[in-house]
Amino acid sequence: MQEMTRKQVVLFTGAECPKEMKGTGSWSCILTFGNHKKELSGYQNGTTLERMELFSIISALGALKEPCDVRLYSNSSFLMETLRKKNLEKWMLSEWKDDNGEVLLHKDLFMILYFQTRKHHIVFARWNPNQFVEELSRCRELTRNALDEYNKMDNPQSDDQMQS
């Protein structure tokens, strides 16, 4: 039986949670496969930067329709260290508790991420500022656009007010 070759996918993720927006954050991801590209982004209220970073990776992996070989770029030290040290496996075995026996702060998202990472072969890489400049810039643009969208919805103005 011949083993199927997995698709080679590159994922770029980003997140933002500006202090002046008091708990509102946004996330983005860019998925690339050959000449194909898909961009996703969104926002949440009542969140943290760590949750948005987790959500960006969960969204990127969730968009993959089949098991893939993935190279994942993130500028999140928090997530890269968690994933490189295989903390997800350790936490799953400890019923999602930290070394002090406390339930993990983002247990819900870590659980989702754990099961998503089982489907794919993933290499985690930190963004180099001199590499993938276009993708980094686009991720930042997507997260800012998502925050702008939230601001429009949170501070609605009628079209009449905007046109006068």
C-alpha atoms as a PDB file:
ATOM      1  CA  MET A   1       0.000   0.000   0.000  1.00  0.00           C
ATOM      2  CA  GLN A   2       1.416   3.371  -1.025  1.00  0.00           C
ATOM      3  CA  GLU A   3       1.430   6.117   1.590  1.00  0.00           C
ATOM      4  CA  MET A   4      -0.287   9.321   0.502  1.00  0.00           C
ATOM      5  CA  THR A   5       1.878  12.421   0.318  1.00  0.00           C
ATOM      6  CA  ARG A   6       0.641  15.175   2.572  1.00  0.00           C
ATOM      7  CA  LYS A   7       0.185  18.699   1.330  1.00  0.00           C
ATOM      8  CA  GLN A   8       2.912  21.131   2.370  1.00  0.00           C
ATOM      9  CA  VAL A   9       1.209  24.124   3.998  1.00  0.00           C
ATOM     10  CA  VAL A  10       2.705  27.264   5.500  1.00  0.00           C
ATOM     11  CA  LEU A  11       0.711  29.166   8.127  1.00  0.00           C
ATOM     12  CA  PHE A  12       1.352  32.683   9.373  1.00  0.00           C
ATOM     13  CA  THR A  13      -0.528  33.886  12.445  1.00  0.00           C
ATOM     14  CA  GLY A  14      -0.950  37.174  14.254  1.00  0.00           C
ATOM     15  CA  ALA A  15      -2.870  38.661  17.152  1.00  0.00           C
ATOM     16  CA  GLU A  16      -3.397  42.036  18.741  1.00  0.00           C
ATOM     17  CA  CYS A  17      -5.029  43.222  21.942  1.00  0.00           C
ATOM     18  CA  PRO A  18      -4.424  46.979  22.313  1.00  0.00           C
ATOM     19  CA  LYS A  19      -4.484  48.250  25.906  1.00  0.00           C
ATOM     20  CA  GLU A  20      -6.625  51.227  24.941  1.00  0.00           C
ATOM     21  CA  MET A  21      -9.367  48.853  23.750  1.00  0.00           C
ATOM     22  CA  LYS A  22      -9.763  47.276  27.216  1.00  0.00           C
ATOM     23  CA  GLY A  23     -10.108  43.566  26.518  1.00  0.00           C
ATOM     24  CA  THR A  24     -10.920  43.649  22.835  1.00  0.00           C
ATOM     25  CA  GLY A  25      -8.566  41.775  20.583  1.00  0.00           C
ATOM     26  CA  SER A  26      -8.182  40.466  17.085  1.00  0.00           C
ATOM     27  CA  TRP A  27      -6.480  37.580  15.351  1.00  0.00           C
ATOM     28  CA  SER A  28      -5.415  36.721  11.825  1.00  0.00           C
ATOM     29  CA  CYS A  29      -3.891  33.911   9.831  1.00  0.00           C
ATOM     30  CA  ILE A  30      -2.672  33.347   6.322  1.00  0.00           C
ATOM     31  CA  LEU A  31      -2.579  29.820   4.910  1.00  0.00           C
ATOM     32  CA  THR A  32      -0.472  29.118   1.842  1.00  0.00           C
ATOM     33  CA  PHE A  33      -0.305  25.974  -0.262  1.00  0.00           C
ATOM     34  CA  GLY A  34       1.595  26.281  -3.516  1.00  0.00           C
ATOM     35  CA  ASN A  35       0.021  29.207  -5.370  1.00  0.00           C
ATOM     36  CA  HIS A  36      -3.094  29.147  -3.179  1.00  0.00           C
ATOM     37  CA  LYS A  37      -3.610  31.552  -0.308  1.00  0.00           C
ATOM     38  CA  LYS A  38      -6.409  31.917   2.233  1.00  0.00           C
ATOM     39  CA  GLU A  39      -6.726  34.732   4.782  1.00  0.00           C
ATOM     40  CA  LEU A  40      -8.847  34.627   7.931  1.00  0.00           C
ATOM     41  CA  SER A  41      -9.336  37.158  10.709  1.00  0.00           C
ATOM     42  CA  GLY A  42     -11.718  38.144  13.447  1.00  0.00           C
ATOM     43  CA  TYR A  43     -12.155  39.903  16.762  1.00  0.00           C
ATOM     44  CA  GLN A  44     -13.442  39.230  20.279  1.00  0.00           C
ATOM     45  CA  ASN A  45     -14.465  41.332  23.195  1.00  0.00           C
ATOM     46  CA  GLY A  46     -13.556  40.347  26.762  1.00  0.00           C
ATOM     47  CA  THR A  47     -10.351  38.604  25.752  1.00  0.00           C
ATOM     48  CA  THR A  48      -6.591  38.647  26.193  1.00  0.00           C
ATOM     49  CA  LEU A  49      -3.642  38.637  23.829  1.00  0.00           C
ATOM     50  CA  GLU A  50      -2.879  35.024  24.763  1.00  0.00           C
ATOM     51  CA  ARG A  51      -6.414  33.962  23.823  1.00  0.00           C
ATOM     52  CA  MET A  52      -6.162  35.768  20.501  1.00  0.00           C
ATOM     53  CA  GLU A  53      -2.802  34.125  19.790  1.00  0.00           C
ATOM     54  CA  LEU A  54      -4.309  30.718  20.540  1.00  0.00           C
ATOM     55  CA  PHE A  55      -7.367  31.496  18.451  1.00  0.00           C
ATOM     56  CA  SER A  56      -5.242  32.483  15.446  1.00  0.00           C
ATOM     57  CA  ILE A  57      -3.504  29.101  15.435  1.00  0.00           C
ATOM     58  CA  ILE A  58      -6.727  27.182  16.112  1.00  0.00           C
ATOM     59  CA  SER A  59      -8.404  29.005  13.217  1.00  0.00           C
ATOM     60  CA  ALA A  60      -5.502  28.328  10.860  1.00  0.00           C
ATOM     61  CA  LEU A  61      -5.325  24.619  11.684  1.00  0.00           C
ATOM     62  CA  GLY A  62      -9.117  24.347  11.655  1.00  0.00           C
ATOM     63  CA  ALA A  63      -9.208  25.641   8.075  1.00  0.00           C
ATOM     64  CA  LEU A  64      -7.140  22.682   6.838  1.00  0.00           C
ATOM     65  CA  LYS A  65      -9.418  20.087   5.258  1.00  0.00           C
ATOM     66  CA  GLU A  66      -7.049  17.128   5.548  1.00  0.00           C
ATOM     67  CA  PRO A  67      -3.916  16.128   7.460  1.00  0.00           C
ATOM     68  CA  CYS A  68      -0.962  18.220   6.238  1.00  0.00           C
ATOM     69  CA  ASP A  69       2.712  18.888   6.814  1.00  0.00           C
ATOM     70  CA  VAL A  70       2.576  22.360   8.325  1.00  0.00           C
ATOM     71  CA  ARG A  71       5.213  24.992   8.923  1.00  0.00           C
ATOM     72  CA  LEU A  72       3.665  27.421  11.400  1.00  0.00           C
ATOM     73  CA  TYR A  73       5.063  30.914  11.881  1.00  0.00           C
ATOM     74  CA  SER A  74       4.018  32.956  14.904  1.00  0.00           C
ATOM     75  CA  ASN A  75       5.509  35.910  16.725  1.00  0.00           C
ATOM     76  CA  SER A  76       4.087  34.633  20.015  1.00  0.00           C
ATOM     77  CA  SER A  77       6.857  33.514  22.354  1.00  0.00           C
ATOM     78  CA  PHE A  78       4.155  32.242  24.726  1.00  0.00           C
ATOM     79  CA  LEU A  79       2.732  29.849  22.144  1.00  0.00           C
ATOM     80  CA  MET A  80       5.946  28.798  20.504  1.00  0.00           C
ATOM     81  CA  GLU A  81       7.453  27.765  23.844  1.00  0.00           C
ATOM     82  CA  THR A  82       4.252  25.954  24.824  1.00  0.00           C
ATOM     83  CA  LEU A  83       4.214  23.996  21.576  1.00  0.00           C
ATOM     84  CA  ARG A  84       7.959  23.311  21.330  1.00  0.00           C
ATOM     85  CA  LYS A  85       8.130  22.004  24.908  1.00  0.00           C
ATOM     86  CA  LYS A  86       5.165  19.734  24.201  1.00  0.00           C
ATOM     87  CA  ASN A  87       3.262  21.243  27.124  1.00  0.00           C
ATOM     88  CA  LEU A  88      -0.055  20.349  25.485  1.00  0.00           C
ATOM     89  CA  GLU A  89       0.659  16.636  25.940  1.00  0.00           C
ATOM     90  CA  LYS A  90       1.808  17.168  29.518  1.00  0.00           C
ATOM     91  CA  TRP A  91      -1.259  19.245  30.361  1.00  0.00           C
ATOM     92  CA  MET A  92      -3.637  16.777  28.749  1.00  0.00           C
ATOM     93  CA  LEU A  93      -2.166  13.979  30.886  1.00  0.00           C
ATOM     94  CA  SER A  94      -2.499  16.153  34.013  1.00  0.00           C
ATOM     95  CA  GLU A  95      -6.180  16.892  33.224  1.00  0.00           C
ATOM     96  CA  TRP A  96      -5.327  20.417  32.006  1.00  0.00           C
ATOM     97  CA  LYS A  97      -3.616  21.559  35.176  1.00  0.00           C
ATOM     98  CA  ASP A  98      -0.335  23.455  35.511  1.00  0.00           C
ATOM     99  CA  ASP A  99       2.673  22.416  37.602  1.00  0.00           C
ATOM    100  CA  ASN A 100       0.973  23.882  40.698  1.00  0.00           C
ATOM    101  CA  GLY A 101      -2.158  21.786  40.207  1.00  0.00           C
ATOM    102  CA  GLU A 102      -4.229  24.772  39.071  1.00  0.00           C
ATOM    103  CA  VAL A 103      -6.586  24.487  36.100  1.00  0.00           C
ATOM    104  CA  LEU A 104      -5.022  26.185  33.076  1.00  0.00           C
ATOM    105  CA  LEU A 105      -6.238  29.688  32.401  1.00  0.00           C
ATOM    106  CA  HIS A 106      -7.025  28.960  28.723  1.00  0.00           C
ATOM    107  CA  LYS A 107      -7.948  25.292  29.148  1.00  0.00           C
ATOM    108  CA  ASP A 108     -10.795  25.490  26.606  1.00  0.00           C
ATOM    109  CA  LEU A 109      -8.538  26.684  23.800  1.00  0.00           C
ATOM    110  CA  PHE A 110      -5.596  24.478  24.763  1.00  0.00           C
ATOM    111  CA  MET A 111      -7.885  21.439  24.544  1.00  0.00           C
ATOM    112  CA  ILE A 112      -8.993  22.378  21.025  1.00  0.00           C
ATOM    113  CA  LEU A 113      -5.417  23.083  19.986  1.00  0.00           C
ATOM    114  CA  TYR A 114      -4.227  19.761  21.378  1.00  0.00           C
ATOM    115  CA  PHE A 115      -6.676  17.779  19.260  1.00  0.00           C
ATOM    116  CA  GLN A 116      -5.952  19.867  16.171  1.00  0.00           C
ATOM    117  CA  THR A 117      -2.205  19.330  16.469  1.00  0.00           C
ATOM    118  CA  ARG A 118      -2.774  15.538  16.490  1.00  0.00           C
ATOM    119  CA  LYS A 119      -4.026  15.687  12.882  1.00  0.00           C
ATOM    120  CA  HIS A 120      -0.996  17.328  11.305  1.00  0.00           C
ATOM    121  CA  HIS A 121       2.786  17.147  11.317  1.00  0.00           C
ATOM    122  CA  ILE A 122       3.705  20.652  12.500  1.00  0.00           C
ATOM    123  CA  VAL A 123       7.023  22.450  12.633  1.00  0.00           C
ATOM    124  CA  PHE A 124       6.831  25.583  14.778  1.00  0.00           C
ATOM    125  CA  ALA A 125       8.907  28.587  13.808  1.00  0.00           C
ATOM    126  CA  ARG A 126       9.220  32.072  15.221  1.00  0.00           C
ATOM    127  CA  TRP A 127       8.919  34.900  12.714  1.00  0.00           C
ATOM    128  CA  ASN A 128      12.184  36.488  11.720  1.00  0.00           C
ATOM    129  CA  PRO A 129      11.660  40.248  11.134  1.00  0.00           C
ATOM    130  CA  ASN A 130      13.769  40.063   7.952  1.00  0.00           C
ATOM    131  CA  GLN A 131      11.882  37.077   6.565  1.00  0.00           C
ATOM    132  CA  PHE A 132       8.301  36.971   5.263  1.00  0.00           C
ATOM    133  CA  VAL A 133       7.955  40.754   5.504  1.00  0.00           C
ATOM    134  CA  GLU A 134       4.923  40.764   3.199  1.00  0.00           C
ATOM    135  CA  GLU A 135       3.085  38.094   5.228  1.00  0.00           C
ATOM    136  CA  LEU A 136       3.884  39.784   8.542  1.00  0.00           C
ATOM    137  CA  SER A 137       2.626  43.083   7.193  1.00  0.00           C
ATOM    138  CA  ARG A 138      -0.539  41.460   5.856  1.00  0.00           C
ATOM    139  CA  CYS A 139      -1.254  39.692   9.176  1.00  0.00           C
ATOM    140  CA  ARG A 140      -0.916  43.025  10.974  1.00  0.00           C
ATOM    141  CA  GLU A 141      -3.238  44.636   8.437  1.00  0.00           C
ATOM    142  CA  LEU A 142      -5.812  41.870   8.894  1.00  0.00           C
ATOM    143  CA  THR A 143      -5.766  42.176  12.708  1.00  0.00           C
ATOM    144  CA  ARG A 144      -6.111  45.969  12.502  1.00  0.00           C
ATOM    145  CA  ASN A 145      -8.944  45.665   9.987  1.00  0.00           C
ATOM    146  CA  ALA A 146     -10.720  43.282  12.352  1.00  0.00           C
ATOM    147  CA  LEU A 147     -10.344  45.806  15.196  1.00  0.00           C
ATOM    148  CA  ASP A 148     -11.669  48.557  12.904  1.00  0.00           C
ATOM    149  CA  GLU A 149     -14.676  46.362  12.126  1.00  0.00           C
ATOM    150  CA  TYR A 150     -15.274  45.840  15.852  1.00  0.00           C
ATOM    151  CA  ASN A 151     -15.058  49.599  16.457  1.00  0.00           C
ATOM    152  CA  LYS A 152     -17.668  50.230  13.756  1.00  0.00           C
ATOM    153  CA  MET A 153     -20.015  47.733  15.363  1.00  0.00           C
ATOM    154  CA  ASP A 154     -19.307  48.869  18.927  1.00  0.00           C
ATOM    155  CA  ASN A 155     -19.684  52.565  18.094  1.00  0.00           C
ATOM    156  CA  PRO A 156     -22.427  52.574  15.468  1.00  0.00           C
ATOM    157  CA  GLN A 157     -23.075  55.813  13.657  1.00  0.00           C
ATOM    158  CA  SER A 158     -25.900  56.157  11.212  1.00  0.00           C
ATOM    159  CA  ASP A 159     -25.013  56.695   7.578  1.00  0.00           C
ATOM    160  CA  ASP A 160     -26.756  60.083   7.834  1.00  0.00           C
ATOM    161  CA  GLN A 161     -24.297  61.246  10.499  1.00  0.00           C
ATOM    162  CA  MET A 162     -21.323  60.047   8.477  1.00  0.00           C
ATOM    163  CA  GLN A 163     -22.488  61.777   5.301  1.00  0.00           C
ATOM    164  CA  SER A 164     -23.297  65.144   6.887  1.00  0.00           C
END
